[in-house]
């Protein structure tokens, strides 16, 4: 298992960043925010509030920066299979409706 911290969205290495991650930190490769539930070691889709930390306040938007005091970055947060499925869905939508307009 990879122990290097990687972006939860694109898998780019975050080794150049110092810990703890600030609330405004972004991935240099994809510009995704990093102080988010999806990068946290307590994130768990199968749990209530999608969090294993019972005392944490609920964060509704798991991919947006937040102020959670329990945030701890997790080296295994990047899921290549999920990223691949997400890209396939985006490609299928673009084929149906045309490319995403900026």
PDB file of N, CA and C in Angstrom:
ATOM      1  N   UNK A   1       0.842  -1.179   0.000  1.00  0.00           N
ATOM      2  CA  UNK A   1       0.000   0.000   0.000  1.00  0.00           C
ATOM      3  C   UNK A   1       0.888   1.244   0.000  1.00  0.00           C
ATOM      4  N   UNK A   2       0.510   2.226  -0.794  1.00  0.00           N
ATOM      5  CA  UNK A   2       1.258   3.473  -0.914  1.00  0.00           C
ATOM      6  C   UNK A   2       1.060   4.319   0.339  1.00  0.00           C
ATOM      7  N   UNK A   3       2.155   4.767   0.946  1.00  0.00           N
ATOM      8  CA  UNK A   3       2.055   5.595   2.152  1.00  0.00           C
ATOM      9  C   UNK A   3       2.279   7.072   1.838  1.00  0.00           C
ATOM     10  N   UNK A   4       2.535   7.404   0.568  1.00  0.00           N
ATOM     11  CA  UNK A   4       2.724   8.798   0.176  1.00  0.00           C
ATOM     12  C   UNK A   4       1.368   9.488   0.069  1.00  0.00           C
ATOM     13  N   UNK A   5       1.279  10.685   0.611  1.00  0.00           N
ATOM     14  CA  UNK A   5       0.035  11.449   0.538  1.00  0.00           C
ATOM     15  C   UNK A   5      -0.194  11.903  -0.890  1.00  0.00           C
ATOM     16  N   UNK A   6      -1.393  11.607  -1.402  1.00  0.00           N
ATOM     17  CA  UNK A   6      -1.766  11.943  -2.777  1.00  0.00           C
ATOM     18  C   UNK A   6      -3.099  12.670  -2.787  1.00  0.00           C
ATOM     19  N   UNK A   7      -3.302  13.473  -3.821  1.00  0.00           N
ATOM     20  CA  UNK A   7      -4.561  14.194  -3.991  1.00  0.00           C
ATOM     21  C   UNK A   7      -5.710  13.204  -4.086  1.00  0.00           C
ATOM     22  N   UNK A   8      -6.797  13.480  -3.391  1.00  0.00           N
ATOM     23  CA  UNK A   8      -7.966  12.596  -3.396  1.00  0.00           C
ATOM     24  C   UNK A   8      -8.631  12.554  -4.770  1.00  0.00           C
ATOM     25  N   UNK A   9      -8.480  13.592  -5.595  1.00  0.00           N
ATOM     26  CA  UNK A   9      -9.154  13.640  -6.887  1.00  0.00           C
ATOM     27  C   UNK A   9      -8.296  13.094  -8.026  1.00  0.00           C
ATOM     28  N   UNK A  10      -7.042  13.563  -8.157  1.00  0.00           N
ATOM     29  CA  UNK A  10      -6.243  13.187  -9.330  1.00  0.00           C
ATOM     30  C   UNK A  10      -5.094  12.230  -9.020  1.00  0.00           C
ATOM     31  N   UNK A  11      -4.755  12.047  -7.753  1.00  0.00           N
ATOM     32  CA  UNK A  11      -3.687  11.127  -7.377  1.00  0.00           C
ATOM     33  C   UNK A  11      -2.296  11.723  -7.424  1.00  0.00           C
ATOM     34  N   UNK A  12      -2.180  13.024  -7.693  1.00  0.00           N
ATOM     35  CA  UNK A  12      -0.861  13.672  -7.730  1.00  0.00           C
ATOM     36  C   UNK A  12      -0.230  13.657  -6.335  1.00  0.00           C
ATOM     37  N   UNK A  13       1.077  13.561  -6.298  1.00  0.00           N
ATOM     38  CA  UNK A  13       1.791  13.555  -5.031  1.00  0.00           C
ATOM     39  C   UNK A  13       1.655  14.898  -4.322  1.00  0.00           C
ATOM     40  N   UNK A  14       1.484  14.838  -3.005  1.00  0.00           N
ATOM     41  CA  UNK A  14       1.401  16.034  -2.180  1.00  0.00           C
ATOM     42  C   UNK A  14       2.617  16.131  -1.266  1.00  0.00           C
ATOM     43  N   UNK A  15       3.686  15.421  -1.617  1.00  0.00           N
ATOM     44  CA  UNK A  15       4.886  15.364  -0.780  1.00  0.00           C
ATOM     45  C   UNK A  15       5.527  16.732  -0.576  1.00  0.00           C
ATOM     46  N   UNK A  16       5.341  17.657  -1.516  1.00  0.00           N
ATOM     47  CA  UNK A  16       5.953  18.981  -1.406  1.00  0.00           C
ATOM     48  C   UNK A  16       5.256  19.857  -0.365  1.00  0.00           C
ATOM     49  N   UNK A  17       4.059  19.487   0.046  1.00  0.00           N
ATOM     50  CA  UNK A  17       3.310  20.280   1.026  1.00  0.00           C
ATOM     51  C   UNK A  17       3.703  19.886   2.438  1.00  0.00           C
ATOM     52  N   UNK A  18       3.662  20.842   3.334  1.00  0.00           N
ATOM     53  CA  UNK A  18       3.957  20.540   4.732  1.00  0.00           C
ATOM     54  C   UNK A  18       2.652  20.338   5.494  1.00  0.00           C
ATOM     55  N   UNK A  19       2.717  19.480   6.501  1.00  0.00           N
ATOM     56  CA  UNK A  19       1.545  19.194   7.328  1.00  0.00           C
ATOM     57  C   UNK A  19       1.622  20.032   8.592  1.00  0.00           C
ATOM     58  N   UNK A  20       0.523  20.417   9.177  1.00  0.00           N
ATOM     59  CA  UNK A  20      -0.843  20.106   8.766  1.00  0.00           C
ATOM     60  C   UNK A  20      -1.256  20.946   7.568  1.00  0.00           C
ATOM     61  N   UNK A  21      -2.149  20.385   6.762  1.00  0.00           N
ATOM     62  CA  UNK A  21      -2.657  21.097   5.594  1.00  0.00           C
ATOM     63  C   UNK A  21      -3.565  22.238   6.048  1.00  0.00           C
ATOM     64  N   UNK A  22      -3.378  23.386   5.458  1.00  0.00           N
ATOM     65  CA  UNK A  22      -4.237  24.521   5.753  1.00  0.00           C
ATOM     66  C   UNK A  22      -5.574  24.393   5.040  1.00  0.00           C
ATOM     67  N   UNK A  23      -6.554  25.133   5.500  1.00  0.00           N
ATOM     68  CA  UNK A  23      -7.896  25.059   4.924  1.00  0.00           C
ATOM     69  C   UNK A  23      -7.924  25.474   3.457  1.00  0.00           C
ATOM     70  N   UNK A  24      -7.009  26.323   3.032  1.00  0.00           N
ATOM     71  CA  UNK A  24      -7.014  26.823   1.657  1.00  0.00           C
ATOM     72  C   UNK A  24      -6.040  26.101   0.733  1.00  0.00           C
ATOM     73  N   UNK A  25      -5.368  25.056   1.221  1.00  0.00           N
ATOM     74  CA  UNK A  25      -4.407  24.315   0.391  1.00  0.00           C
ATOM     75  C   UNK A  25      -5.124  23.677  -0.798  1.00  0.00           C
ATOM     76  N   UNK A  26      -4.439  23.696  -1.958  1.00  0.00           N
ATOM     77  CA  UNK A  26      -4.969  23.087  -3.171  1.00  0.00           C
ATOM     78  C   UNK A  26      -3.924  22.172  -3.786  1.00  0.00           C
ATOM     79  N   UNK A  27      -4.388  21.213  -4.545  1.00  0.00           N
ATOM     80  CA  UNK A  27      -3.506  20.336  -5.307  1.00  0.00           C
ATOM     81  C   UNK A  27      -2.895  21.161  -6.440  1.00  0.00           C
ATOM     82  N   UNK A  28      -1.582  21.104  -6.589  1.00  0.00           N
ATOM     83  CA  UNK A  28      -0.908  21.855  -7.649  1.00  0.00           C
ATOM     84  C   UNK A  28      -1.290  21.328  -9.038  1.00  0.00           C
ATOM     85  N   UNK A  29      -1.631  20.061  -9.142  1.00  0.00           N
ATOM     86  CA  UNK A  29      -1.937  19.455 -10.433  1.00  0.00           C
ATOM     87  C   UNK A  29      -3.356  19.741 -10.916  1.00  0.00           C
ATOM     88  N   UNK A  30      -4.351  19.598 -10.044  1.00  0.00           N
ATOM     89  CA  UNK A  30      -5.745  19.733 -10.487  1.00  0.00           C
ATOM     90  C   UNK A  30      -6.499  20.871  -9.809  1.00  0.00           C
ATOM     91  N   UNK A  31      -5.849  21.564  -8.887  1.00  0.00           N
ATOM     92  CA  UNK A  31      -6.417  22.709  -8.169  1.00  0.00           C
ATOM     93  C   UNK A  31      -7.593  22.343  -7.272  1.00  0.00           C
ATOM     94  N   UNK A  32      -7.736  21.088  -6.924  1.00  0.00           N
ATOM     95  CA  UNK A  32      -8.799  20.659  -6.010  1.00  0.00           C
ATOM     96  C   UNK A  32      -8.421  21.037  -4.585  1.00  0.00           C
ATOM     97  N   UNK A  33      -9.398  21.438  -3.773  1.00  0.00           N
ATOM     98  CA  UNK A  33      -9.101  21.733  -2.370  1.00  0.00           C
ATOM     99  C   UNK A  33      -8.672  20.451  -1.651  1.00  0.00           C
ATOM    100  N   UNK A  34      -7.822  20.597  -0.640  1.00  0.00           N
ATOM    101  CA  UNK A  34      -7.283  19.425   0.052  1.00  0.00           C
ATOM    102  C   UNK A  34      -7.794  19.247   1.478  1.00  0.00           C
ATOM    103  N   UNK A  35      -8.223  20.305   2.137  1.00  0.00           N
ATOM    104  CA  UNK A  35      -8.746  20.169   3.512  1.00  0.00           C
ATOM    105  C   UNK A  35     -10.228  19.807   3.391  1.00  0.00           C
ATOM    106  N   UNK A  36     -10.481  18.608   2.865  1.00  0.00           N
ATOM    107  CA  UNK A  36     -11.838  18.138   2.580  1.00  0.00           C
ATOM    108  C   UNK A  36     -12.044  16.745   3.169  1.00  0.00           C
ATOM    109  N   UNK A  37     -13.282  16.398   3.386  1.00  0.00           N
ATOM    110  CA  UNK A  37     -13.609  15.075   3.952  1.00  0.00           C
ATOM    111  C   UNK A  37     -13.041  13.938   3.113  1.00  0.00           C
ATOM    112  N   UNK A  38     -13.063  14.067   1.798  1.00  0.00           N
ATOM    113  CA  UNK A  38     -12.612  12.986   0.926  1.00  0.00           C
ATOM    114  C   UNK A  38     -11.141  12.635   1.131  1.00  0.00           C
ATOM    115  N   UNK A  39     -10.330  13.540   1.689  1.00  0.00           N
ATOM    116  CA  UNK A  39      -8.918  13.270   1.934  1.00  0.00           C
ATOM    117  C   UNK A  39      -8.669  12.859   3.386  1.00  0.00           C
ATOM    118  N   UNK A  40      -9.682  12.851   4.209  1.00  0.00           N
ATOM    119  CA  UNK A  40      -9.530  12.594   5.635  1.00  0.00           C
ATOM    120  C   UNK A  40      -9.539  11.099   5.956  1.00  0.00           C
ATOM    121  N   UNK A  41      -8.752  10.717   6.946  1.00  0.00           N
ATOM    122  CA  UNK A  41      -8.700   9.303   7.359  1.00  0.00           C
ATOM    123  C   UNK A  41     -10.011   8.835   7.980  1.00  0.00           C
ATOM    124  N   UNK A  42     -10.866   9.749   8.425  1.00  0.00           N
ATOM    125  CA  UNK A  42     -12.141   9.381   9.032  1.00  0.00           C
ATOM    126  C   UNK A  42     -13.283   9.272   8.010  1.00  0.00           C
ATOM    127  N   UNK A  43     -13.046   9.650   6.748  1.00  0.00           N
ATOM    128  CA  UNK A  43     -14.088   9.581   5.722  1.00  0.00           C
ATOM    129  C   UNK A  43     -14.447   8.127   5.449  1.00  0.00           C
ATOM    130  N   UNK A  44     -15.737   7.833   5.480  1.00  0.00           N
ATOM    131  CA  UNK A  44     -16.219   6.465   5.264  1.00  0.00           C
ATOM    132  C   UNK A  44     -17.642   6.536   4.730  1.00  0.00           C
ATOM    133  N   UNK A  45     -17.816   6.190   3.465  1.00  0.00           N
ATOM    134  CA  UNK A  45     -19.136   6.278   2.813  1.00  0.00           C
ATOM    135  C   UNK A  45     -20.198   5.432   3.496  1.00  0.00           C
ATOM    136  N   UNK A  46     -19.792   4.397   4.206  1.00  0.00           N
ATOM    137  CA  UNK A  46     -20.764   3.471   4.797  1.00  0.00           C
ATOM    138  C   UNK A  46     -21.259   3.908   6.171  1.00  0.00           C
ATOM    139  N   UNK A  47     -20.714   4.987   6.724  1.00  0.00           N
ATOM    140  CA  UNK A  47     -21.081   5.427   8.069  1.00  0.00           C
ATOM    141  C   UNK A  47     -22.064   6.592   8.028  1.00  0.00           C
ATOM    142  N   UNK A  48     -22.824   6.774   9.111  1.00  0.00           N
ATOM    143  CA  UNK A  48     -23.680   7.952   9.196  1.00  0.00           C
ATOM    144  C   UNK A  48     -22.818   9.214   9.075  1.00  0.00           C
ATOM    145  N   UNK A  49     -23.293  10.186   8.384  1.00  0.00           N
ATOM    146  CA  UNK A  49     -22.574  11.432   8.100  1.00  0.00           C
ATOM    147  C   UNK A  49     -21.300  11.184   7.297  1.00  0.00           C
ATOM    148  N   UNK A  50     -21.081   9.953   6.848  1.00  0.00           N
ATOM    149  CA  UNK A  50     -19.899   9.516   6.098  1.00  0.00           C
ATOM    150  C   UNK A  50     -18.604   9.809   6.864  1.00  0.00           C
ATOM    151  N   UNK A  51     -18.664   9.670   8.185  1.00  0.00           N
ATOM    152  CA  UNK A  51     -17.510   9.966   9.020  1.00  0.00           C
ATOM    153  C   UNK A  51     -17.424   8.969  10.171  1.00  0.00           C
ATOM    154  N   UNK A  52     -16.226   8.443  10.424  1.00  0.00           N
ATOM    155  CA  UNK A  52     -16.022   7.510  11.532  1.00  0.00           C
ATOM    156  C   UNK A  52     -15.787   8.217  12.858  1.00  0.00           C
ATOM    157  N   UNK A  53     -15.628   9.538  12.841  1.00  0.00           N
ATOM    158  CA  UNK A  53     -15.430  10.298  14.074  1.00  0.00           C
ATOM    159  C   UNK A  53     -16.804  10.754  14.572  1.00  0.00           C
ATOM    160  N   UNK A  54     -17.298  10.096  15.614  1.00  0.00           N
ATOM    161  CA  UNK A  54     -18.654  10.356  16.110  1.00  0.00           C
ATOM    162  C   UNK A  54     -18.861  11.778  16.615  1.00  0.00           C
ATOM    163  N   UNK A  55     -17.806  12.414  17.132  1.00  0.00           N
ATOM    164  CA  UNK A  55     -17.944  13.753  17.702  1.00  0.00           C
ATOM    165  C   UNK A  55     -17.843  14.875  16.670  1.00  0.00           C
ATOM    166  N   UNK A  56     -17.461  14.551  15.452  1.00  0.00           N
ATOM    167  CA  UNK A  56     -17.306  15.583  14.420  1.00  0.00           C
ATOM    168  C   UNK A  56     -18.673  16.107  13.983  1.00  0.00           C
ATOM    169  N   UNK A  57     -18.726  17.413  13.735  1.00  0.00           N
ATOM    170  CA  UNK A  57     -19.952  17.995  13.205  1.00  0.00           C
ATOM    171  C   UNK A  57     -20.128  17.532  11.770  1.00  0.00           C
ATOM    172  N   UNK A  58     -21.374  17.414  11.332  1.00  0.00           N
ATOM    173  CA  UNK A  58     -21.633  16.955   9.975  1.00  0.00           C
ATOM    174  C   UNK A  58     -21.184  17.999   8.954  1.00  0.00           C
ATOM    175  N   UNK A  59     -20.478  17.534   7.951  1.00  0.00           N
ATOM    176  CA  UNK A  59     -20.080  18.359   6.815  1.00  0.00           C
ATOM    177  C   UNK A  59     -20.853  17.813   5.620  1.00  0.00           C
ATOM    178  N   UNK A  60     -21.705  18.612   5.050  1.00  0.00           N
ATOM    179  CA  UNK A  60     -22.564  18.129   3.958  1.00  0.00           C
ATOM    180  C   UNK A  60     -21.832  17.994   2.623  1.00  0.00           C
ATOM    181  N   UNK A  61     -20.944  18.909   2.323  1.00  0.00           N
ATOM    182  CA  UNK A  61     -20.233  18.879   1.044  1.00  0.00           C
ATOM    183  C   UNK A  61     -18.837  18.308   1.262  1.00  0.00           C
ATOM    184  N   UNK A  62     -18.678  17.038   0.952  1.00  0.00           N
ATOM    185  CA  UNK A  62     -17.452  16.289   1.273  1.00  0.00           C
ATOM    186  C   UNK A  62     -16.255  16.663   0.406  1.00  0.00           C
ATOM    187  N   UNK A  63     -16.473  17.407  -0.668  1.00  0.00           N
ATOM    188  CA  UNK A  63     -15.390  17.788  -1.566  1.00  0.00           C
ATOM    189  C   UNK A  63     -15.087  19.282  -1.501  1.00  0.00           C
ATOM    190  N   UNK A  64     -15.606  19.965  -0.488  1.00  0.00           N
ATOM    191  CA  UNK A  64     -15.382  21.402  -0.295  1.00  0.00           C
ATOM    192  C   UNK A  64     -14.549  21.620   0.964  1.00  0.00           C
ATOM    193  N   UNK A  65     -13.729  22.674   0.986  1.00  0.00           N
ATOM    194  CA  UNK A  65     -12.928  22.951   2.190  1.00  0.00           C
ATOM    195  C   UNK A  65     -13.821  23.137   3.411  1.00  0.00           C
ATOM    196  N   UNK A  66     -13.342  22.698   4.573  1.00  0.00           N
ATOM    197  CA  UNK A  66     -14.140  22.822   5.790  1.00  0.00           C
ATOM    198  C   UNK A  66     -13.235  23.142   6.976  1.00  0.00           C
ATOM    199  N   UNK A  67     -13.855  23.353   8.119  1.00  0.00           N
ATOM    200  CA  UNK A  67     -13.128  23.721   9.333  1.00  0.00           C
ATOM    201  C   UNK A  67     -13.091  22.588  10.359  1.00  0.00           C
ATOM    202  N   UNK A  68     -13.268  21.357   9.928  1.00  0.00           N
ATOM    203  CA  UNK A  68     -13.321  20.232  10.857  1.00  0.00           C
ATOM    204  C   UNK A  68     -12.014  20.103  11.648  1.00  0.00           C
ATOM    205  N   UNK A  69     -12.142  20.057  12.971  1.00  0.00           N
ATOM    206  CA  UNK A  69     -10.975  19.920  13.839  1.00  0.00           C
ATOM    207  C   UNK A  69     -10.413  18.503  13.844  1.00  0.00           C
ATOM    208  N   UNK A  70     -11.170  17.533  13.352  1.00  0.00           N
ATOM    209  CA  UNK A  70     -10.729  16.132  13.350  1.00  0.00           C
ATOM    210  C   UNK A  70     -10.014  15.744  12.059  1.00  0.00           C
ATOM    211  N   UNK A  71      -9.893  16.667  11.109  1.00  0.00           N
ATOM    212  CA  UNK A  71      -9.288  16.373   9.812  1.00  0.00           C
ATOM    213  C   UNK A  71      -7.858  15.855   9.956  1.00  0.00           C
ATOM    214  N   UNK A  72      -7.613  14.683   9.384  1.00  0.00           N
ATOM    215  CA  UNK A  72      -6.281  14.081   9.321  1.00  0.00           C
ATOM    216  C   UNK A  72      -6.133  13.514   7.907  1.00  0.00           C
ATOM    217  N   UNK A  73      -5.181  14.012   7.100  1.00  0.00           N
ATOM    218  CA  UNK A  73      -5.037  13.506   5.735  1.00  0.00           C
ATOM    219  C   UNK A  73      -4.703  12.013   5.713  1.00  0.00           C
ATOM    220  N   UNK A  74      -5.243  11.339   4.743  1.00  0.00           N
ATOM    221  CA  UNK A  74      -5.101   9.884   4.625  1.00  0.00           C
ATOM    222  C   UNK A  74      -4.389   9.549   3.314  1.00  0.00           C
ATOM    223  N   UNK A  75      -3.277   8.842   3.395  1.00  0.00           N
ATOM    224  CA  UNK A  75      -2.484   8.504   2.216  1.00  0.00           C
ATOM    225  C   UNK A  75      -3.258   7.642   1.222  1.00  0.00           C
ATOM    226  N   UNK A  76      -4.217   6.879   1.671  1.00  0.00           N
ATOM    227  CA  UNK A  76      -4.975   6.004   0.780  1.00  0.00           C
ATOM    228  C   UNK A  76      -6.268   6.606   0.265  1.00  0.00           C
ATOM    229  N   UNK A  77      -6.402   7.914   0.324  1.00  0.00           N
ATOM    230  CA  UNK A  77      -7.659   8.563  -0.067  1.00  0.00           C
ATOM    231  C   UNK A  77      -7.907   8.511  -1.572  1.00  0.00           C
ATOM    232  N   UNK A  78      -6.837   8.500  -2.383  1.00  0.00           N
ATOM    233  CA  UNK A  78      -7.027   8.442  -3.832  1.00  0.00           C
ATOM    234  C   UNK A  78      -7.430   7.038  -4.233  1.00  0.00           C
ATOM    235  N   UNK A  79      -8.520   6.941  -4.961  1.00  0.00           N
ATOM    236  CA  UNK A  79      -9.048   5.662  -5.431  1.00  0.00           C
ATOM    237  C   UNK A  79      -9.034   5.693  -6.953  1.00  0.00           C
ATOM    238  N   UNK A  80      -8.048   5.048  -7.552  1.00  0.00           N
ATOM    239  CA  UNK A  80      -7.889   5.072  -9.009  1.00  0.00           C
ATOM    240  C   UNK A  80      -9.113   4.512  -9.719  1.00  0.00           C
ATOM    241  N   UNK A  81      -9.735   3.501  -9.162  1.00  0.00           N
ATOM    242  CA  UNK A  81     -10.922   2.903  -9.786  1.00  0.00           C
ATOM    243  C   UNK A  81     -12.082   3.893  -9.795  1.00  0.00           C
ATOM    244  N   UNK A  82     -12.269   4.613  -8.681  1.00  0.00           N
ATOM    245  CA  UNK A  82     -13.332   5.619  -8.621  1.00  0.00           C
ATOM    246  C   UNK A  82     -13.052   6.742  -9.606  1.00  0.00           C
ATOM    247  N   UNK A  83     -11.792   7.183  -9.678  1.00  0.00           N
ATOM    248  CA  UNK A  83     -11.412   8.253 -10.595  1.00  0.00           C
ATOM    249  C   UNK A  83     -11.645   7.838 -12.045  1.00  0.00           C
ATOM    250  N   UNK A  84     -11.333   6.587 -12.358  1.00  0.00           N
ATOM    251  CA  UNK A  84     -11.542   6.068 -13.703  1.00  0.00           C
ATOM    252  C   UNK A  84     -13.031   6.021 -14.047  1.00  0.00           C
ATOM    253  N   UNK A  85     -13.852   5.572 -13.104  1.00  0.00           N
ATOM    254  CA  UNK A  85     -15.297   5.517 -13.323  1.00  0.00           C
ATOM    255  C   UNK A  85     -15.877   6.923 -13.473  1.00  0.00           C
ATOM    256  N   UNK A  86     -15.367   7.864 -12.683  1.00  0.00           N
ATOM    257  CA  UNK A  86     -15.832   9.252 -12.773  1.00  0.00           C
ATOM    258  C   UNK A  86     -15.486   9.839 -14.140  1.00  0.00           C
ATOM    259  N   UNK A  87     -14.269   9.563 -14.627  1.00  0.00           N
ATOM    260  CA  UNK A  87     -13.864  10.067 -15.943  1.00  0.00           C
ATOM    261  C   UNK A  87     -14.694   9.423 -17.048  1.00  0.00           C
ATOM    262  N   UNK A  88     -14.999   8.148 -16.923  1.00  0.00           N
ATOM    263  CA  UNK A  88     -15.828   7.467 -17.919  1.00  0.00           C
ATOM    264  C   UNK A  88     -17.225   8.082 -17.964  1.00  0.00           C
ATOM    265  N   UNK A  89     -17.778   8.421 -16.815  1.00  0.00           N
ATOM    266  CA  UNK A  89     -19.097   9.063 -16.768  1.00  0.00           C
ATOM    267  C   UNK A  89     -19.046  10.446 -17.409  1.00  0.00           C
ATOM    268  N   UNK A  90     -17.973  11.195 -17.147  1.00  0.00           N
ATOM    269  CA  UNK A  90     -17.825  12.528 -17.759  1.00  0.00           C
ATOM    270  C   UNK A  90     -17.694  12.408 -19.280  1.00  0.00           C
ATOM    271  N   UNK A  91     -16.945  11.422 -19.743  1.00  0.00           N
ATOM    272  CA  UNK A  91     -16.775  11.206 -21.182  1.00  0.00           C
ATOM    273  C   UNK A  91     -18.108  10.831 -21.834  1.00  0.00           C
ATOM    274  N   UNK A  92     -18.891   9.988 -21.161  1.00  0.00           N
ATOM    275  CA  UNK A  92     -20.197   9.599 -21.695  1.00  0.00           C
ATOM    276  C   UNK A  92     -21.136  10.796 -21.754  1.00  0.00           C
ATOM    277  N   UNK A  93     -21.117  11.642 -20.741  1.00  0.00           N
ATOM    278  CA  UNK A  93     -21.960  12.845 -20.738  1.00  0.00           C
ATOM    279  C   UNK A  93     -21.535  13.795 -21.853  1.00  0.00           C
ATOM    280  N   UNK A  94     -20.237  13.942 -22.058  1.00  0.00           N
ATOM    281  CA  UNK A  94     -19.742  14.808 -23.124  1.00  0.00           C
ATOM    282  C   UNK A  94     -20.149  14.275 -24.496  1.00  0.00           C
ATOM    283  N   UNK A  95     -20.166  12.950 -24.651  1.00  0.00           N
ATOM    284  CA  UNK A  95     -20.583  12.353 -25.917  1.00  0.00           C
ATOM    285  C   UNK A  95     -22.059  12.615 -26.186  1.00  0.00           C
ATOM    286  N   UNK A  96     -22.876  12.625 -25.142  1.00  0.00           N
ATOM    287  CA  UNK A  96     -24.305  12.869 -25.294  1.00  0.00           C
ATOM    288  C   UNK A  96     -24.644  14.345 -25.464  1.00  0.00           C
ATOM    289  N   UNK A  97     -24.035  15.182 -24.643  1.00  0.00           N
ATOM    290  CA  UNK A  97     -24.439  16.580 -24.566  1.00  0.00           C
ATOM    291  C   UNK A  97     -23.400  17.560 -25.079  1.00  0.00           C
ATOM    292  N   UNK A  98     -22.258  17.078 -25.522  1.00  0.00           N
ATOM    293  CA  UNK A  98     -21.191  17.969 -25.956  1.00  0.00           C
ATOM    294  C   UNK A  98     -20.265  18.266 -24.790  1.00  0.00           C
ATOM    295  N   UNK A  99     -19.104  18.854 -25.074  1.00  0.00           N
ATOM    296  CA  UNK A  99     -18.146  19.134 -24.009  1.00  0.00           C
ATOM    297  C   UNK A  99     -18.684  20.149 -22.999  1.00  0.00           C
ATOM    298  N   UNK A 100     -18.205  20.043 -21.787  1.00  0.00           N
ATOM    299  CA  UNK A 100     -18.611  20.943 -20.725  1.00  0.00           C
ATOM    300  C   UNK A 100     -18.186  22.366 -21.060  1.00  0.00           C
ATOM    301  N   UNK A 101     -19.099  23.286 -20.930  1.00  0.00           N
ATOM    302  CA  UNK A 101     -18.807  24.697 -21.195  1.00  0.00           C
ATOM    303  C   UNK A 101     -18.266  25.341 -19.925  1.00  0.00           C
ATOM    304  N   UNK A 102     -17.169  26.066 -20.034  1.00  0.00           N
ATOM    305  CA  UNK A 102     -16.508  26.677 -18.886  1.00  0.00           C
ATOM    306  C   UNK A 102     -17.214  27.876 -18.431  1.00  0.00           C
TER     307      UNK A 102
END
